[in-house]
């Protein structure tokens, strides 16, 4: 899948957090929301896909970035095996 790593609170849009805290880049917003308890997600063409293995270290490394993600779709969640920058 090719998309952007975001968080479950914001999904495809980081506007709500930006309104509360001033304009914040996607990466910083995603990191802040995950610290606050949100889960990492992958946004592909506006569709939000859940990520099963939240402990994958590449998720934090590439938070807010456009990536190519390799893994297996189980139900509605991707189990990530590889994340590469686009």
C-alpha atoms as a PDB file:
ATOM      1  CA  UNK A   1       0.000   0.000   0.000  1.00  0.00           C
ATOM      2  CA  UNK A   2       1.140   3.544  -0.659  1.00  0.00           C
ATOM      3  CA  UNK A   3      -0.157   6.205   1.698  1.00  0.00           C
ATOM      4  CA  UNK A   4       0.605   8.342   4.716  1.00  0.00           C
ATOM      5  CA  UNK A   5       1.071   7.191   8.309  1.00  0.00           C
ATOM      6  CA  UNK A   6      -1.369   9.081  10.497  1.00  0.00           C
ATOM      7  CA  UNK A   7      -3.216   8.430  13.755  1.00  0.00           C
ATOM      8  CA  UNK A   8      -6.660   7.127  14.627  1.00  0.00           C
ATOM      9  CA  UNK A   9      -7.796  10.447  16.140  1.00  0.00           C
ATOM     10  CA  UNK A  10      -7.074  12.531  13.032  1.00  0.00           C
ATOM     11  CA  UNK A  11      -7.199   9.981  10.226  1.00  0.00           C
ATOM     12  CA  UNK A  12      -6.844  11.795   6.910  1.00  0.00           C
ATOM     13  CA  UNK A  13      -7.239  15.288   8.427  1.00  0.00           C
ATOM     14  CA  UNK A  14      -5.137  16.918  11.112  1.00  0.00           C
ATOM     15  CA  UNK A  15      -7.313  20.053  11.220  1.00  0.00           C
ATOM     16  CA  UNK A  16      -8.922  19.582  14.637  1.00  0.00           C
ATOM     17  CA  UNK A  17      -5.614  19.301  16.456  1.00  0.00           C
ATOM     18  CA  UNK A  18      -4.253  22.227  14.473  1.00  0.00           C
ATOM     19  CA  UNK A  19      -7.189  24.380  15.645  1.00  0.00           C
ATOM     20  CA  UNK A  20      -6.518  23.515  19.274  1.00  0.00           C
ATOM     21  CA  UNK A  21      -2.753  23.954  19.241  1.00  0.00           C
ATOM     22  CA  UNK A  22      -1.991  26.213  16.292  1.00  0.00           C
ATOM     23  CA  UNK A  23      -0.751  24.891  12.976  1.00  0.00           C
ATOM     24  CA  UNK A  24       1.206  21.690  13.505  1.00  0.00           C
ATOM     25  CA  UNK A  25       2.921  19.636  10.781  1.00  0.00           C
ATOM     26  CA  UNK A  26       1.365  16.203  10.121  1.00  0.00           C
ATOM     27  CA  UNK A  27       4.371  14.409  11.636  1.00  0.00           C
ATOM     28  CA  UNK A  28       4.223  16.335  14.923  1.00  0.00           C
ATOM     29  CA  UNK A  29       0.445  16.012  15.101  1.00  0.00           C
ATOM     30  CA  UNK A  30       0.605  12.243  14.552  1.00  0.00           C
ATOM     31  CA  UNK A  31       3.313  11.852  17.213  1.00  0.00           C
ATOM     32  CA  UNK A  32       1.344  13.986  19.711  1.00  0.00           C
ATOM     33  CA  UNK A  33      -1.894  12.073  19.114  1.00  0.00           C
ATOM     34  CA  UNK A  34      -0.160   8.688  19.483  1.00  0.00           C
ATOM     35  CA  UNK A  35       1.445   9.860  22.749  1.00  0.00           C
ATOM     36  CA  UNK A  36      -2.092  10.795  23.819  1.00  0.00           C
ATOM     37  CA  UNK A  37      -3.359   7.268  23.209  1.00  0.00           C
ATOM     38  CA  UNK A  38      -4.271   7.167  19.506  1.00  0.00           C
ATOM     39  CA  UNK A  39      -3.192   4.300  17.267  1.00  0.00           C
ATOM     40  CA  UNK A  40      -1.147   4.516  14.066  1.00  0.00           C
ATOM     41  CA  UNK A  41      -3.172   4.142  10.845  1.00  0.00           C
ATOM     42  CA  UNK A  42      -2.356   4.240   7.127  1.00  0.00           C
ATOM     43  CA  UNK A  43      -4.327   6.687   4.981  1.00  0.00           C
ATOM     44  CA  UNK A  44      -4.588   5.497   1.362  1.00  0.00           C
ATOM     45  CA  UNK A  45      -6.536   7.738  -1.051  1.00  0.00           C
ATOM     46  CA  UNK A  46      -8.599   9.141   1.829  1.00  0.00           C
ATOM     47  CA  UNK A  47      -9.398   5.678   3.252  1.00  0.00           C
ATOM     48  CA  UNK A  48      -8.122   4.942   6.766  1.00  0.00           C
ATOM     49  CA  UNK A  49      -6.647   1.459   7.256  1.00  0.00           C
ATOM     50  CA  UNK A  50      -5.985   0.161  10.770  1.00  0.00           C
ATOM     51  CA  UNK A  51      -2.543  -1.219  11.654  1.00  0.00           C
ATOM     52  CA  UNK A  52      -2.475  -4.428  13.682  1.00  0.00           C
ATOM     53  CA  UNK A  53       1.090  -4.421  14.985  1.00  0.00           C
ATOM     54  CA  UNK A  54       1.383  -0.990  16.629  1.00  0.00           C
ATOM     55  CA  UNK A  55       4.794  -1.906  18.093  1.00  0.00           C
ATOM     56  CA  UNK A  56       6.540  -1.895  14.665  1.00  0.00           C
ATOM     57  CA  UNK A  57       9.420   0.586  15.170  1.00  0.00           C
ATOM     58  CA  UNK A  58       9.106   1.927  11.604  1.00  0.00           C
ATOM     59  CA  UNK A  59       5.675   3.397  12.408  1.00  0.00           C
ATOM     60  CA  UNK A  60       7.196   5.910  14.853  1.00  0.00           C
ATOM     61  CA  UNK A  61      10.135   6.547  12.525  1.00  0.00           C
ATOM     62  CA  UNK A  62       7.848   7.448   9.598  1.00  0.00           C
ATOM     63  CA  UNK A  63       4.908   9.049  11.457  1.00  0.00           C
ATOM     64  CA  UNK A  64       3.296  11.682   9.214  1.00  0.00           C
ATOM     65  CA  UNK A  65       5.359  10.623   6.179  1.00  0.00           C
ATOM     66  CA  UNK A  66       4.264   9.351   2.772  1.00  0.00           C
ATOM     67  CA  UNK A  67       5.315   5.692   2.701  1.00  0.00           C
ATOM     68  CA  UNK A  68       5.094   2.394   0.868  1.00  0.00           C
ATOM     69  CA  UNK A  69       3.929  -0.228   3.360  1.00  0.00           C
ATOM     70  CA  UNK A  70       4.256  -3.973   2.889  1.00  0.00           C
ATOM     71  CA  UNK A  71       2.325  -6.435   5.005  1.00  0.00           C
ATOM     72  CA  UNK A  72      -0.714  -8.652   5.225  1.00  0.00           C
ATOM     73  CA  UNK A  73      -4.321  -7.479   5.452  1.00  0.00           C
ATOM     74  CA  UNK A  74      -6.136  -9.499   8.107  1.00  0.00           C
ATOM     75  CA  UNK A  75      -9.761  -8.457   8.448  1.00  0.00           C
ATOM     76  CA  UNK A  76      -9.640  -4.659   8.449  1.00  0.00           C
ATOM     77  CA  UNK A  77      -6.085  -4.290   9.808  1.00  0.00           C
ATOM     78  CA  UNK A  78      -2.675  -4.453   8.157  1.00  0.00           C
ATOM     79  CA  UNK A  79       0.050  -6.453   9.877  1.00  0.00           C
ATOM     80  CA  UNK A  80       3.115  -4.474   8.806  1.00  0.00           C
ATOM     81  CA  UNK A  81       6.272  -6.219   7.664  1.00  0.00           C
ATOM     82  CA  UNK A  82       8.073  -3.294   5.988  1.00  0.00           C
ATOM     83  CA  UNK A  83       7.782   0.502   5.721  1.00  0.00           C
ATOM     84  CA  UNK A  84       9.715   2.558   3.155  1.00  0.00           C
ATOM     85  CA  UNK A  85       9.788   6.308   2.526  1.00  0.00           C
ATOM     86  CA  UNK A  86       8.218   7.439  -0.751  1.00  0.00           C
END
